C-alpha atoms as a PDB file:
ATOM      1  CA  MET A   1      -0.121   0.040  -0.007  1.00  0.00           C
ATOM      2  CA  SER A   2       1.609   3.266  -1.085  1.00  0.00           C
ATOM      3  CA  GLN A   3       2.058   6.416   1.600  1.00  0.00           C
ATOM      4  CA  THR A   4      -0.532   8.144   0.280  1.00  0.00           C
ATOM      5  CA  HIS A   5      -3.212   5.615   0.236  1.00  0.00           C
ATOM      6  CA  ARG A   6      -2.485   4.434   3.405  1.00  0.00           C
ATOM      7  CA  ARG A   7      -2.834   7.483   5.024  1.00  0.00           C
ATOM      8  CA  ARG A   8      -6.293   7.786   2.951  1.00  0.00           C
ATOM      9  CA  PHE A   9      -7.292   4.501   4.643  1.00  0.00           C
ATOM     10  CA  LEU A  10      -6.206   5.365   8.465  1.00  0.00           C
ATOM     11  CA  THR A  11      -8.448   8.308   7.844  1.00  0.00           C
ATOM     12  CA  LEU A  12     -11.299   7.009   6.553  1.00  0.00           C
ATOM     13  CA  ALA A  13     -10.867   4.168   9.539  1.00  0.00           C
ATOM     14  CA  GLY A  14     -10.655   7.140  11.874  1.00  0.00           C
ATOM     15  CA  ALA A  15     -13.856   8.514  10.652  1.00  0.00           C
ATOM     16  CA  THR A  16     -15.509   5.156  10.517  1.00  0.00           C
ATOM     17  CA  LEU A  17     -14.401   4.737  14.509  1.00  0.00           C
ATOM     18  CA  ALA A  18     -15.866   8.128  15.559  1.00  0.00           C
ATOM     19  CA  ALA A  19     -19.293   7.787  13.953  1.00  0.00           C
ATOM     20  CA  PRO A  20     -20.872   5.671  16.477  1.00  0.00           C
ATOM     21  CA  ALA A  21     -19.803   8.389  18.667  1.00  0.00           C
ATOM     22  CA  LEU A  22     -21.112  11.858  17.277  1.00  0.00           C
ATOM     23  CA  PRO A  23     -25.114  11.450  17.439  1.00  0.00           C
ATOM     24  CA  ARG A  24     -24.559  10.852  21.172  1.00  0.00           C
ATOM     25  CA  LEU A  25     -22.669  13.781  21.502  1.00  0.00           C
ATOM     26  CA  ALA A  26     -24.762  15.608  19.656  1.00  0.00           C
ATOM     27  CA  PHE A  27     -27.944  14.186  21.400  1.00  0.00           C
ATOM     28  CA  ALA A  28     -26.365  15.260  24.978  1.00  0.00           C
ATOM     29  CA  ASP A  29     -25.655  18.585  23.556  1.00  0.00           C
ATOM     30  CA  ALA A  30     -29.144  19.108  23.133  1.00  0.00           C
ATOM     31  CA  TRP A  31     -30.237  17.744  26.016  1.00  0.00           C
ATOM     32  CA  PRO A  32     -33.134  18.208  27.587  1.00  0.00           C
ATOM     33  CA  LYS A  33     -35.372  18.741  24.444  1.00  0.00           C
ATOM     34  CA  ASP A  34     -38.731  19.932  24.959  1.00  0.00           C
ATOM     35  CA  LYS A  35     -39.506  16.881  26.782  1.00  0.00           C
ATOM     36  CA  THR A  36     -41.174  15.643  30.407  1.00  0.00           C
ATOM     37  CA  ILE A  37     -38.480  13.912  32.348  1.00  0.00           C
ATOM     38  CA  ARG A  38     -39.730  10.972  34.687  1.00  0.00           C
ATOM     39  CA  ALA A  39     -38.244  10.843  38.262  1.00  0.00           C
ATOM     40  CA  ILE A  40     -38.980   7.843  39.964  1.00  0.00           C
ATOM     41  CA  VAL A  41     -38.925   7.309  43.852  1.00  0.00           C
ATOM     42  CA  PRO A  42     -39.187   3.993  44.680  1.00  0.00           C
ATOM     43  CA  PHE A  43     -41.136   4.656  48.067  1.00  0.00           C
ATOM     44  CA  SER A  44     -44.743   5.819  48.628  1.00  0.00           C
ATOM     45  CA  ALA A  45     -45.411   9.369  48.917  1.00  0.00           C
ATOM     46  CA  GLY A  46     -44.824  11.145  51.752  1.00  0.00           C
ATOM     47  CA  SER A  47     -41.524   8.964  52.675  1.00  0.00           C
ATOM     48  CA  THR A  48     -38.155  10.691  53.128  1.00  0.00           C
ATOM     49  CA  VAL A  49     -37.092   9.942  49.940  1.00  0.00           C
ATOM     50  CA  ASP A  50     -40.008  11.612  48.003  1.00  0.00           C
ATOM     51  CA  ILE A  51     -40.170  14.760  50.555  1.00  0.00           C
ATOM     52  CA  ILE A  52     -36.434  15.411  50.012  1.00  0.00           C
ATOM     53  CA  GLY A  53     -36.322  14.353  46.346  1.00  0.00           C
ATOM     54  CA  ARG A  54     -39.536  16.831  45.457  1.00  0.00           C
ATOM     55  CA  ILE A  55     -37.480  19.680  47.420  1.00  0.00           C
ATOM     56  CA  VAL A  56     -34.474  19.332  45.119  1.00  0.00           C
ATOM     57  CA  LEU A  57     -36.640  18.797  41.577  1.00  0.00           C
ATOM     58  CA  ASP A  58     -38.486  21.375  41.800  1.00  0.00           C
ATOM     59  CA  PRO A  59     -35.873  23.907  41.332  1.00  0.00           C
ATOM     60  CA  LEU A  60     -34.422  21.690  38.970  1.00  0.00           C
ATOM     61  CA  SER A  61     -37.031  21.670  36.674  1.00  0.00           C
ATOM     62  CA  ARG A  62     -37.083  25.195  36.357  1.00  0.00           C
ATOM     63  CA  GLN A  63     -33.444  25.079  35.726  1.00  0.00           C
ATOM     64  CA  LEU A  64     -33.575  22.949  33.201  1.00  0.00           C
ATOM     65  CA  GLY A  65     -36.338  24.507  31.660  1.00  0.00           C
ATOM     66  CA  GLN A  66     -38.293  21.177  31.484  1.00  0.00           C
ATOM     67  CA  THR A  67     -41.230  19.321  33.079  1.00  0.00           C
ATOM     68  CA  MET A  68     -40.088  16.813  35.492  1.00  0.00           C
ATOM     69  CA  VAL A  69     -42.636  14.219  36.900  1.00  0.00           C
ATOM     70  CA  VAL A  70     -42.488  12.339  40.020  1.00  0.00           C
ATOM     71  CA  GLU A  71     -43.624   8.978  39.780  1.00  0.00           C
ATOM     72  CA  ASN A  72     -43.831   6.659  43.217  1.00  0.00           C
ATOM     73  CA  ARG A  73     -43.202   2.969  42.638  1.00  0.00           C
ATOM     74  CA  GLY A  74     -42.924   1.671  46.152  1.00  0.00           C
ATOM     75  CA  GLY A  75     -42.514  -1.833  47.455  1.00  0.00           C
ATOM     76  CA  ALA A  76     -40.101  -4.455  47.472  1.00  0.00           C
ATOM     77  CA  GLY A  77     -37.544  -2.208  49.425  1.00  0.00           C
ATOM     78  CA  GLY A  78     -37.028   0.420  46.387  1.00  0.00           C
ATOM     79  CA  THR A  79     -36.330  -2.704  44.211  1.00  0.00           C
ATOM     80  CA  ILE A  80     -39.687  -2.230  41.812  1.00  0.00           C
ATOM     81  CA  GLY A  81     -39.090   1.166  41.194  1.00  0.00           C
ATOM     82  CA  SER A  82     -35.154   1.324  40.655  1.00  0.00           C
ATOM     83  CA  ALA A  83     -35.710  -1.857  38.498  1.00  0.00           C
ATOM     84  CA  ALA A  84     -38.063   0.062  35.919  1.00  0.00           C
ATOM     85  CA  VAL A  85     -35.739   3.018  35.639  1.00  0.00           C
ATOM     86  CA  ALA A  86     -32.686  -0.042  34.807  1.00  0.00           C
ATOM     87  CA  LYS A  87     -34.172  -0.956  32.092  1.00  0.00           C
ATOM     88  CA  ALA A  88     -34.819   2.937  30.859  1.00  0.00           C
ATOM     89  CA  ASP A  89     -33.792   4.320  27.508  1.00  0.00           C
ATOM     90  CA  PRO A  90     -30.327   6.050  28.643  1.00  0.00           C
ATOM     91  CA  ASP A  91     -31.466   9.359  26.982  1.00  0.00           C
ATOM     92  CA  GLY A  92     -31.944  11.904  30.229  1.00  0.00           C
ATOM     93  CA  TYR A  93     -35.420  11.532  30.805  1.00  0.00           C
ATOM     94  CA  THR A  94     -35.885   8.510  32.880  1.00  0.00           C
ATOM     95  CA  VAL A  95     -34.084   9.188  36.520  1.00  0.00           C
ATOM     96  CA  LEU A  96     -33.861   7.805  39.868  1.00  0.00           C
ATOM     97  CA  VAL A  97     -34.230   9.171  42.947  1.00  0.00           C
ATOM     98  CA  ASN A  98     -33.186   6.859  45.737  1.00  0.00           C
ATOM     99  CA  ALA A  99     -31.636   6.476  49.228  1.00  0.00           C
ATOM    100  CA  ALA A 100     -28.850   4.390  50.939  1.00  0.00           C
ATOM    101  CA  ALA A 101     -31.901   1.655  49.858  1.00  0.00           C
ATOM    102  CA  HIS A 102     -30.114   1.068  47.026  1.00  0.00           C
ATOM    103  CA  SER A 103     -27.075  -0.384  47.571  1.00  0.00           C
ATOM    104  CA  ALA A 104     -28.297  -2.433  50.413  1.00  0.00           C
ATOM    105  CA  ALA A 105     -30.496  -4.402  47.497  1.00  0.00           C
ATOM    106  CA  PRO A 106     -27.716  -6.914  46.415  1.00  0.00           C
ATOM    107  CA  ALA A 107     -27.737  -7.806  50.203  1.00  0.00           C
ATOM    108  CA  ALA A 108     -31.754  -8.162  51.177  1.00  0.00           C
ATOM    109  CA  TYR A 109     -32.668  -9.251  47.690  1.00  0.00           C
ATOM    110  CA  PRO A 110     -30.631 -11.673  46.217  1.00  0.00           C
ATOM    111  CA  GLN A 111     -32.435 -12.699  43.319  1.00  0.00           C
ATOM    112  CA  ILE A 112     -33.268  -8.649  41.736  1.00  0.00           C
ATOM    113  CA  THR A 113     -32.713  -8.376  37.937  1.00  0.00           C
ATOM    114  CA  TYR A 114     -30.454  -5.565  38.039  1.00  0.00           C
ATOM    115  CA  ASP A 115     -27.259  -4.624  39.456  1.00  0.00           C
ATOM    116  CA  PRO A 116     -27.265  -1.318  41.448  1.00  0.00           C
ATOM    117  CA  ALA A 117     -23.970  -0.546  40.348  1.00  0.00           C
ATOM    118  CA  LYS A 118     -23.242  -1.673  36.877  1.00  0.00           C
ATOM    119  CA  ASP A 119     -26.520  -0.452  35.798  1.00  0.00           C
ATOM    120  CA  PHE A 120     -26.920   2.579  37.312  1.00  0.00           C
ATOM    121  CA  SER A 121     -24.406   5.639  37.398  1.00  0.00           C
ATOM    122  CA  ALA A 122     -24.707   7.851  39.794  1.00  0.00           C
ATOM    123  CA  VAL A 123     -25.477  11.716  39.539  1.00  0.00           C
ATOM    124  CA  ALA A 124     -25.112  13.714  43.031  1.00  0.00           C
ATOM    125  CA  ILE A 125     -26.374  13.161  46.630  1.00  0.00           C
ATOM    126  CA  PHE A 126     -28.707  15.477  47.906  1.00  0.00           C
ATOM    127  CA  GLY A 127     -27.815  15.038  51.679  1.00  0.00           C
ATOM    128  CA  VAL A 128     -27.469  12.993  54.518  1.00  0.00           C
ATOM    129  CA  VAL A 129     -30.251  12.041  56.580  1.00  0.00           C
ATOM    130  CA  PRO A 130     -30.502  11.098  60.117  1.00  0.00           C
ATOM    131  CA  ASN A 131     -32.766   8.192  60.793  1.00  0.00           C
ATOM    132  CA  VAL A 132     -34.458   8.695  64.212  1.00  0.00           C
ATOM    133  CA  LEU A 133     -35.357   5.990  66.507  1.00  0.00           C
ATOM    134  CA  MET A 134     -38.516   6.011  67.699  1.00  0.00           C
ATOM    135  CA  VAL A 135     -41.521   4.781  70.123  1.00  0.00           C
ATOM    136  CA  ALA A 136     -44.807   5.690  70.925  1.00  0.00           C
ATOM    137  CA  PRO A 137     -44.781   7.934  74.412  1.00  0.00           C
ATOM    138  CA  GLY A 138     -47.517   5.375  75.859  1.00  0.00           C
ATOM    139  CA  LYS A 139     -44.683   2.578  75.625  1.00  0.00           C
ATOM    140  CA  GLY A 140     -42.791   3.622  78.734  1.00  0.00           C
ATOM    141  CA  ILE A 141     -39.678   3.612  76.747  1.00  0.00           C
ATOM    142  CA  LYS A 142     -37.468   6.662  77.757  1.00  0.00           C
ATOM    143  CA  THR A 143     -34.055   5.880  76.085  1.00  0.00           C
ATOM    144  CA  ALA A 144     -32.410   3.851  73.551  1.00  0.00           C
ATOM    145  CA  LYS A 145     -30.735   1.424  76.422  1.00  0.00           C
ATOM    146  CA  ASP A 146     -34.794   0.921  77.914  1.00  0.00           C
ATOM    147  CA  LEU A 147     -35.936  -0.030  74.434  1.00  0.00           C
ATOM    148  CA  ALA A 148     -32.784  -2.651  74.102  1.00  0.00           C
ATOM    149  CA  GLU A 149     -33.660  -3.915  77.624  1.00  0.00           C
ATOM    150  CA  ARG A 150     -37.104  -4.149  77.187  1.00  0.00           C
ATOM    151  CA  ALA A 151     -36.321  -6.224  73.917  1.00  0.00           C
ATOM    152  CA  LYS A 152     -33.992  -8.349  75.871  1.00  0.00           C
ATOM    153  CA  SER A 153     -37.276  -9.794  77.856  1.00  0.00           C
ATOM    154  CA  GLY A 154     -39.658  -9.987  75.238  1.00  0.00           C
ATOM    155  CA  ASP A 155     -40.088 -10.291  71.372  1.00  0.00           C
ATOM    156  CA  LEU A 156     -40.885  -6.952  70.259  1.00  0.00           C
ATOM    157  CA  THR A 157     -41.273  -5.762  66.861  1.00  0.00           C
ATOM    158  CA  TYR A 158     -40.242  -2.911  64.519  1.00  0.00           C
ATOM    159  CA  SER A 159     -41.557  -1.399  61.530  1.00  0.00           C
ATOM    160  CA  SER A 160     -39.478  -0.143  58.273  1.00  0.00           C
ATOM    161  CA  ALA A 161     -40.527   1.129  55.080  1.00  0.00           C
ATOM    162  CA  GLY A 162     -39.690  -2.329  53.168  1.00  0.00           C
ATOM    163  CA  VAL A 163     -36.994  -4.994  53.289  1.00  0.00           C
ATOM    164  CA  GLY A 164     -33.706  -3.559  52.740  1.00  0.00           C
ATOM    165  CA  SER A 165     -34.843  -0.440  52.947  1.00  0.00           C
ATOM    166  CA  ALA A 166     -32.676   2.464  54.790  1.00  0.00           C
ATOM    167  CA  THR A 167     -35.100   2.178  57.482  1.00  0.00           C
ATOM    168  CA  HIS A 168     -34.380  -1.226  57.678  1.00  0.00           C
ATOM    169  CA  TRP A 169     -31.030  -1.471  57.661  1.00  0.00           C
ATOM    170  CA  ALA A 170     -30.863   1.194  60.258  1.00  0.00           C
ATOM    171  CA  ALA A 171     -32.639  -0.330  62.566  1.00  0.00           C
ATOM    172  CA  GLU A 172     -30.937  -3.606  62.526  1.00  0.00           C
ATOM    173  CA  ARG A 173     -27.696  -2.007  62.863  1.00  0.00           C
ATOM    174  CA  PHE A 174     -29.187  -0.947  66.016  1.00  0.00           C
ATOM    175  CA  ARG A 175     -30.519  -4.227  67.051  1.00  0.00           C
ATOM    176  CA  LEU A 176     -27.247  -5.932  66.125  1.00  0.00           C
ATOM    177  CA  SER A 177     -25.352  -3.394  68.545  1.00  0.00           C
ATOM    178  CA  ALA A 178     -27.689  -4.288  71.513  1.00  0.00           C
ATOM    179  CA  GLY A 179     -28.037  -7.835  70.999  1.00  0.00           C
ATOM    180  CA  PHE A 180     -31.383  -8.624  70.833  1.00  0.00           C
ATOM    181  CA  LYS A 181     -34.306  -9.920  68.483  1.00  0.00           C
ATOM    182  CA  ALA A 182     -36.964  -8.388  67.123  1.00  0.00           C
ATOM    183  CA  THR A 183     -39.416  -8.998  64.214  1.00  0.00           C
ATOM    184  CA  HIS A 184     -39.182  -7.163  61.286  1.00  0.00           C
ATOM    185  CA  ILE A 185     -42.570  -6.005  59.747  1.00  0.00           C
ATOM    186  CA  PRO A 186     -41.978  -3.974  56.237  1.00  0.00           C
ATOM    187  CA  PHE A 187     -44.393  -1.525  54.644  1.00  0.00           C
ATOM    188  CA  ARG A 188     -44.380   0.072  51.140  1.00  0.00           C
ATOM    189  CA  GLY A 189     -43.290   3.705  52.745  1.00  0.00           C
ATOM    190  CA  GLY A 190     -42.381   5.269  56.325  1.00  0.00           C
ATOM    191  CA  PRO A 191     -45.609   6.958  56.868  1.00  0.00           C
ATOM    192  CA  GLU A 192     -47.420   3.704  57.013  1.00  0.00           C
ATOM    193  CA  ALA A 193     -44.722   2.344  59.212  1.00  0.00           C
ATOM    194  CA  LEU A 194     -44.795   5.633  61.431  1.00  0.00           C
ATOM    195  CA  THR A 195     -48.602   5.053  61.891  1.00  0.00           C
ATOM    196  CA  GLU A 196     -48.421   1.581  62.649  1.00  0.00           C
ATOM    197  CA  VAL A 197     -45.592   2.769  65.764  1.00  0.00           C
ATOM    198  CA  MET A 198     -47.191   5.933  66.818  1.00  0.00           C
ATOM    199  CA  THR A 199     -50.812   3.764  67.358  1.00  0.00           C
ATOM    200  CA  GLY A 200     -48.751   1.244  69.588  1.00  0.00           C
ATOM    201  CA  ARG A 201     -49.523  -1.668  67.216  1.00  0.00           C
ATOM    202  CA  VAL A 202     -45.650  -1.825  66.508  1.00  0.00           C
ATOM    203  CA  ASP A 203     -43.126  -1.528  69.310  1.00  0.00           C
ATOM    204  CA  PHE A 204     -40.558   0.944  67.382  1.00  0.00           C
ATOM    205  CA  CYS A 205     -39.036   1.873  63.979  1.00  0.00           C
ATOM    206  CA  CYS A 206     -35.951   3.852  62.826  1.00  0.00           C
ATOM    207  CA  ILE A 207     -37.081   6.269  60.066  1.00  0.00           C
ATOM    208  CA  GLY A 208     -35.980   9.627  58.690  1.00  0.00           C
ATOM    209  CA  ILE A 209     -36.493  12.923  60.240  1.00  0.00           C
ATOM    210  CA  SER A 210     -38.193  14.095  57.170  1.00  0.00           C
ATOM    211  CA  SER A 211     -41.205  11.889  57.750  1.00  0.00           C
ATOM    212  CA  SER A 212     -41.060  12.095  61.227  1.00  0.00           C
ATOM    213  CA  MET A 213     -40.305  15.283  62.359  1.00  0.00           C
ATOM    214  CA  SER A 214     -44.225  16.491  62.441  1.00  0.00           C
ATOM    215  CA  LEU A 215     -45.367  13.596  64.345  1.00  0.00           C
ATOM    216  CA  ILE A 216     -42.187  14.137  66.867  1.00  0.00           C
ATOM    217  CA  THR A 217     -43.471  17.915  67.037  1.00  0.00           C
ATOM    218  CA  ASP A 218     -46.930  17.215  68.390  1.00  0.00           C
ATOM    219  CA  GLY A 219     -45.820  14.635  70.589  1.00  0.00           C
ATOM    220  CA  ARG A 220     -46.981  11.573  68.877  1.00  0.00           C
ATOM    221  CA  LEU A 221     -43.969   9.692  69.249  1.00  0.00           C
ATOM    222  CA  LEU A 222     -40.876   9.893  71.049  1.00  0.00           C
ATOM    223  CA  PRO A 223     -37.408  10.507  69.398  1.00  0.00           C
ATOM    224  CA  LEU A 224     -35.071   7.833  71.545  1.00  0.00           C
ATOM    225  CA  ALA A 225     -31.624   8.336  69.479  1.00  0.00           C
ATOM    226  CA  VAL A 226     -30.223   9.457  65.845  1.00  0.00           C
ATOM    227  CA  SER A 227     -28.266   6.718  63.293  1.00  0.00           C
ATOM    228  CA  THR A 228     -25.888   9.708  62.169  1.00  0.00           C
ATOM    229  CA  LEU A 229     -22.253   9.833  63.691  1.00  0.00           C
ATOM    230  CA  ARG A 230     -22.874  13.445  65.051  1.00  0.00           C
ATOM    231  CA  ARG A 231     -26.414  14.944  66.586  1.00  0.00           C
ATOM    232  CA  SER A 232     -28.841  16.312  64.279  1.00  0.00           C
ATOM    233  CA  ALA A 233     -29.191  20.037  64.113  1.00  0.00           C
ATOM    234  CA  ALA A 234     -32.631  19.363  63.945  1.00  0.00           C
ATOM    235  CA  LEU A 235     -33.279  17.343  67.339  1.00  0.00           C
ATOM    236  CA  PRO A 236     -30.301  18.868  69.076  1.00  0.00           C
ATOM    237  CA  ASN A 237     -31.052  17.448  72.586  1.00  0.00           C
ATOM    238  CA  VAL A 238     -31.298  13.440  70.801  1.00  0.00           C
ATOM    239  CA  PRO A 239     -28.096  11.640  71.453  1.00  0.00           C
ATOM    240  CA  THR A 240     -26.821   9.388  68.645  1.00  0.00           C
ATOM    241  CA  THR A 241     -27.351   5.777  68.930  1.00  0.00           C
ATOM    242  CA  THR A 242     -23.452   5.717  69.537  1.00  0.00           C
ATOM    243  CA  GLU A 243     -23.381   8.040  72.322  1.00  0.00           C
ATOM    244  CA  ALA A 244     -26.555   6.440  73.654  1.00  0.00           C
ATOM    245  CA  GLY A 245     -24.176   3.005  74.315  1.00  0.00           C
ATOM    246  CA  PHE A 246     -24.395   1.148  71.083  1.00  0.00           C
ATOM    247  CA  PRO A 247     -21.373   1.153  69.260  1.00  0.00           C
ATOM    248  CA  ASP A 248     -21.184   0.620  65.379  1.00  0.00           C
ATOM    249  CA  SER A 249     -25.081   1.311  65.319  1.00  0.00           C
ATOM    250  CA  ASP A 250     -24.728   4.445  62.476  1.00  0.00           C
ATOM    251  CA  TYR A 251     -26.047   4.264  59.652  1.00  0.00           C
ATOM    252  CA  ASN A 252     -24.862   6.556  56.519  1.00  0.00           C
ATOM    253  CA  PHE A 253     -28.547   7.620  55.217  1.00  0.00           C
ATOM    254  CA  TRP A 254     -27.728   9.486  52.113  1.00  0.00           C
ATOM    255  CA  ASN A 255     -30.113  10.271  49.332  1.00  0.00           C
ATOM    256  CA  GLY A 256     -29.625  11.318  46.225  1.00  0.00           C
ATOM    257  CA  LEU A 257     -30.204  11.341  42.191  1.00  0.00           C
ATOM    258  CA  LEU A 258     -29.111   8.440  39.479  1.00  0.00           C
ATOM    259  CA  VAL A 259     -29.799   7.320  35.826  1.00  0.00           C
ATOM    260  CA  PRO A 260     -29.696   4.514  33.679  1.00  0.00           C
ATOM    261  CA  ALA A 261     -25.833   3.257  33.083  1.00  0.00           C
ATOM    262  CA  LYS A 262     -25.623   3.953  29.466  1.00  0.00           C
ATOM    263  CA  THR A 263     -26.604   7.674  29.733  1.00  0.00           C
ATOM    264  CA  PRO A 264     -24.303   9.712  27.759  1.00  0.00           C
ATOM    265  CA  ARG A 265     -21.255  11.759  29.917  1.00  0.00           C
ATOM    266  CA  PRO A 266     -22.260  15.371  29.345  1.00  0.00           C
ATOM    267  CA  ILE A 267     -26.383  14.518  30.595  1.00  0.00           C
ATOM    268  CA  ILE A 268     -24.953  13.361  33.978  1.00  0.00           C
ATOM    269  CA  ASP A 269     -22.482  16.039  34.210  1.00  0.00           C
ATOM    270  CA  ARG A 270     -24.848  18.297  32.898  1.00  0.00           C
ATOM    271  CA  LEU A 271     -27.595  17.230  35.754  1.00  0.00           C
ATOM    272  CA  HIS A 272     -24.684  16.849  38.889  1.00  0.00           C
ATOM    273  CA  ALA A 273     -23.785  20.671  38.139  1.00  0.00           C
ATOM    274  CA  GLU A 274     -27.810  21.592  37.800  1.00  0.00           C
ATOM    275  CA  VAL A 275     -28.285  19.271  41.724  1.00  0.00           C
ATOM    276  CA  GLN A 276     -25.638  21.421  42.760  1.00  0.00           C
ATOM    277  CA  LYS A 277     -26.950  24.774  42.006  1.00  0.00           C
ATOM    278  CA  ALA A 278     -30.200  23.949  43.356  1.00  0.00           C
ATOM    279  CA  LEU A 279     -29.097  22.911  46.761  1.00  0.00           C
ATOM    280  CA  ALA A 280     -26.983  25.859  47.015  1.00  0.00           C
ATOM    281  CA  LEU A 281     -30.680  27.886  46.716  1.00  0.00           C
ATOM    282  CA  PRO A 282     -31.243  29.886  50.063  1.00  0.00           C
ATOM    283  CA  GLU A 283     -35.398  28.519  49.994  1.00  0.00           C
ATOM    284  CA  VAL A 284     -34.136  24.804  48.814  1.00  0.00           C
ATOM    285  CA  GLN A 285     -31.849  25.438  51.934  1.00  0.00           C
ATOM    286  CA  ALA A 286     -34.296  26.807  53.927  1.00  0.00           C
ATOM    287  CA  LYS A 287     -36.286  23.626  53.480  1.00  0.00           C
ATOM    288  CA  LEU A 288     -33.939  20.757  53.528  1.00  0.00           C
ATOM    289  CA  ALA A 289     -32.738  22.353  57.120  1.00  0.00           C
ATOM    290  CA  PRO A 290     -35.764  21.059  59.057  1.00  0.00           C
ATOM    291  CA  GLN A 291     -35.881  17.960  57.641  1.00  0.00           C
ATOM    292  CA  GLY A 292     -32.338  17.375  59.510  1.00  0.00           C
ATOM    293  CA  VAL A 293     -30.233  16.754  56.072  1.00  0.00           C
ATOM    294  CA  GLU A 294     -26.811  17.546  56.060  1.00  0.00           C
ATOM    295  CA  PRO A 295     -24.594  17.396  52.677  1.00  0.00           C
ATOM    296  CA  LEU A 296     -22.139  14.972  51.361  1.00  0.00           C
ATOM    297  CA  PRO A 297     -20.829  16.938  48.256  1.00  0.00           C
ATOM    298  CA  LEU A 298     -19.762  14.152  46.059  1.00  0.00           C
ATOM    299  CA  SER A 299     -18.798  14.128  42.256  1.00  0.00           C
ATOM    300  CA  PRO A 300     -20.183  11.180  40.040  1.00  0.00           C
ATOM    301  CA  GLU A 301     -17.417   9.290  40.214  1.00  0.00           C
ATOM    302  CA  GLU A 302     -17.150   9.215  44.395  1.00  0.00           C
ATOM    303  CA  PHE A 303     -20.540   8.472  44.233  1.00  0.00           C
ATOM    304  CA  ASP A 304     -20.449   5.475  42.170  1.00  0.00           C
ATOM    305  CA  ALA A 305     -17.261   4.608  44.500  1.00  0.00           C
ATOM    306  CA  LEU A 306     -19.174   4.845  47.699  1.00  0.00           C
ATOM    307  CA  ILE A 307     -22.236   2.516  46.354  1.00  0.00           C
ATOM    308  CA  ALA A 308     -19.771  -0.042  45.150  1.00  0.00           C
ATOM    309  CA  LYS A 309     -18.264  -0.135  48.701  1.00  0.00           C
ATOM    310  CA  GLU A 310     -21.758  -0.146  50.848  1.00  0.00           C
ATOM    311  CA  ILE A 311     -22.427  -3.053  48.293  1.00  0.00           C
ATOM    312  CA  VAL A 312     -20.098  -5.377  49.238  1.00  0.00           C
ATOM    313  CA  SER A 313     -19.871  -4.084  53.340  1.00  0.00           C
ATOM    314  CA  ASN A 314     -23.787  -4.762  53.251  1.00  0.00           C
ATOM    315  CA  ILE A 315     -23.469  -8.062  51.893  1.00  0.00           C
ATOM    316  CA  LYS A 316     -20.762  -9.036  54.553  1.00  0.00           C
ATOM    317  CA  LEU A 317     -23.431  -7.134  57.512  1.00  0.00           C
ATOM    318  CA  ALA A 318     -26.227  -9.489  56.494  1.00  0.00           C
ATOM    319  CA  GLN A 319     -24.054 -12.543  56.174  1.00  0.00           C
ATOM    320  CA  ALA A 320     -22.288 -11.993  59.734  1.00  0.00           C
ATOM    321  CA  ALA A 321     -25.621 -11.318  60.953  1.00  0.00           C
ATOM    322  CA  GLY A 322     -27.355 -14.334  59.878  1.00  0.00           C
ATOM    323  CA  LEU A 323     -29.848 -12.335  58.264  1.00  0.00           C
ATOM    324  CA  LYS A 324     -32.355 -14.332  55.958  1.00  0.00           C
ATOM    325  CA  PHE A 325     -33.934 -12.444  53.375  1.00  0.00           C
ATOM    326  CA  ASN A 326     -36.428 -13.796  51.000  1.00  0.00           C
END
């Protein structure tokens, strides 16, 4: 082959290799078009994930200039809604608003049809929310230690927003640290789980401040401890579970935004930047503060790494504790 022909061949070959990438880049540059963006929340309306998600998505929708419609698809610890997003077109018009339940799914549901790490790209964390260990005032339990002692003398029940949800995992970490057995009663979302504790039909729960604060303020639920490493500014007089004498009982309940894995990188980067803008707005900060939300600013790559790390640690926790999930 002559040098001229060889140069011409390489030029054509390079153009051929680059061709598949061009439509994706052009598409990403044009995103978002005049098309509704679906935001799937895999828990019921009024749950912590739903409340925080709507606070952030409202200004995000304005910034993008597109309507964002929230669809609540609760059930199975968030895996039903997550599975729907995993199968969605990676075009930036279907996103997932989820929480730490996302990385707990493989431990709680070994047969799930998607991989929380490989089938999703993480975009941005909205913040970390303290889960609150709570009982009904009529139970006569005043502290986390009182609850642990009561549990050791009888089989108590605890509710959650579903098997494998962050509310389930937070309660399990406390239970394991305290060394007692209890019967788990899962529901489709936090509001239902809270109602059962409030009425006394279930003994305790460990659910996010966002969905429980009004019930705490009204005196219908008594907060015993928060699951974060530091006390929450929203409940400054309530100790952490670690302060209450239960080591390794803390739980990182993050809430954030994810998209299907093959979503073009420019779209992920644009979404990440716009979420950071929304989180910096004074009106958003004013709404998140009463929810006890604390910032956890991670890049998409750091968020992906966090999820991968948590998947491994959650599986190890379930195995070490002998937790049996269907």
